[in-house]
């Protein structure tokens, strides 16, 4: 069963708030998740951000540059 983007964003927000408060445990929907270190929390945040980006299809495929000599 896939988790929808809205729920992933809710999880991400909760995890970022807990990390900002210096907490290493998170209570979400009656379940308690405890992280051993800040690095584990950072990895979980990065994973959620990747999943959200993949689900929303917001990948950048083209980058355009505009340059000028300033004249």
Protein backbone atom coordinates (compact mmCIF):
# COMPACT_ATOMS: atom_id res chain seq x y z
CA UNK A 1 0.00 0.00 0.00
CA UNK A 2 1.47 3.32 -1.06
CA UNK A 3 1.41 6.35 1.19
CA UNK A 4 -0.10 9.41 -0.46
CA UNK A 5 1.80 12.68 -0.76
CA UNK A 6 -0.30 14.51 1.82
CA UNK A 7 0.52 11.93 4.49
CA UNK A 8 4.22 12.00 3.55
CA UNK A 9 4.19 15.79 3.94
CA UNK A 10 2.48 15.49 7.33
CA UNK A 11 5.14 13.01 8.47
CA UNK A 12 7.89 15.29 7.19
CA UNK A 13 6.47 18.31 9.03
CA UNK A 14 6.18 16.37 12.27
CA UNK A 15 9.74 15.05 11.97
CA UNK A 16 11.19 18.47 11.20
CA UNK A 17 9.35 20.00 14.18
CA UNK A 18 10.60 17.28 16.53
CA UNK A 19 14.18 17.69 15.30
CA UNK A 20 14.01 21.48 15.64
CA UNK A 21 12.88 21.06 19.26
CA UNK A 22 15.82 18.76 19.97
CA UNK A 23 13.64 15.68 20.42
CA UNK A 24 14.66 12.23 19.22
CA UNK A 25 11.25 10.59 19.50
CA UNK A 26 8.10 11.21 17.55
CA UNK A 27 4.51 10.23 18.35
CA UNK A 28 2.42 9.87 15.19
CA UNK A 29 -1.03 8.26 15.00
CA UNK A 30 -0.51 6.50 18.32
CA UNK A 31 2.85 5.04 17.31
CA UNK A 32 6.13 6.10 18.89
CA UNK A 33 9.27 6.24 16.79
CA UNK A 34 12.59 6.88 18.48
CA UNK A 35 15.75 7.84 16.61
CA UNK A 36 19.19 7.01 17.97
CA UNK A 37 20.89 10.15 16.71
CA UNK A 38 20.38 13.39 14.85
CA UNK A 39 22.00 11.77 11.81
CA UNK A 40 19.24 9.15 11.73
CA UNK A 41 16.61 11.90 11.84
CA UNK A 42 18.38 13.78 9.05
CA UNK A 43 18.41 10.60 6.94
CA UNK A 44 14.70 10.07 7.58
CA UNK A 45 13.95 13.66 6.56
CA UNK A 46 16.00 13.29 3.38
CA UNK A 47 14.19 10.04 2.56
CA UNK A 48 10.78 11.66 3.01
CA UNK A 49 11.82 14.61 0.85
CA UNK A 50 12.95 12.20 -1.91
CA UNK A 51 9.68 10.27 -1.72
CA UNK A 52 7.62 13.47 -1.92
CA UNK A 53 9.63 14.72 -4.90
CA UNK A 54 9.21 11.38 -6.67
CA UNK A 55 5.48 11.25 -5.97
CA UNK A 56 4.86 14.79 -7.16
CA UNK A 57 7.01 14.38 -10.26
CA UNK A 58 8.80 17.66 -9.63
CA UNK A 59 12.13 16.77 -11.16
CA UNK A 60 14.02 19.39 -13.08
CA UNK A 61 15.09 18.03 -16.44
CA UNK A 62 16.22 21.21 -18.22
CA UNK A 63 18.28 24.11 -16.99
CA UNK A 64 18.47 27.24 -19.17
CA UNK A 65 21.26 29.79 -18.79
CA UNK A 66 21.05 33.41 -19.82
CA UNK A 67 24.34 35.26 -20.01
CA UNK A 68 25.42 38.76 -20.93
CA UNK A 69 28.66 40.66 -21.28
CA UNK A 70 27.06 43.55 -19.42
CA UNK A 71 27.56 45.97 -22.30
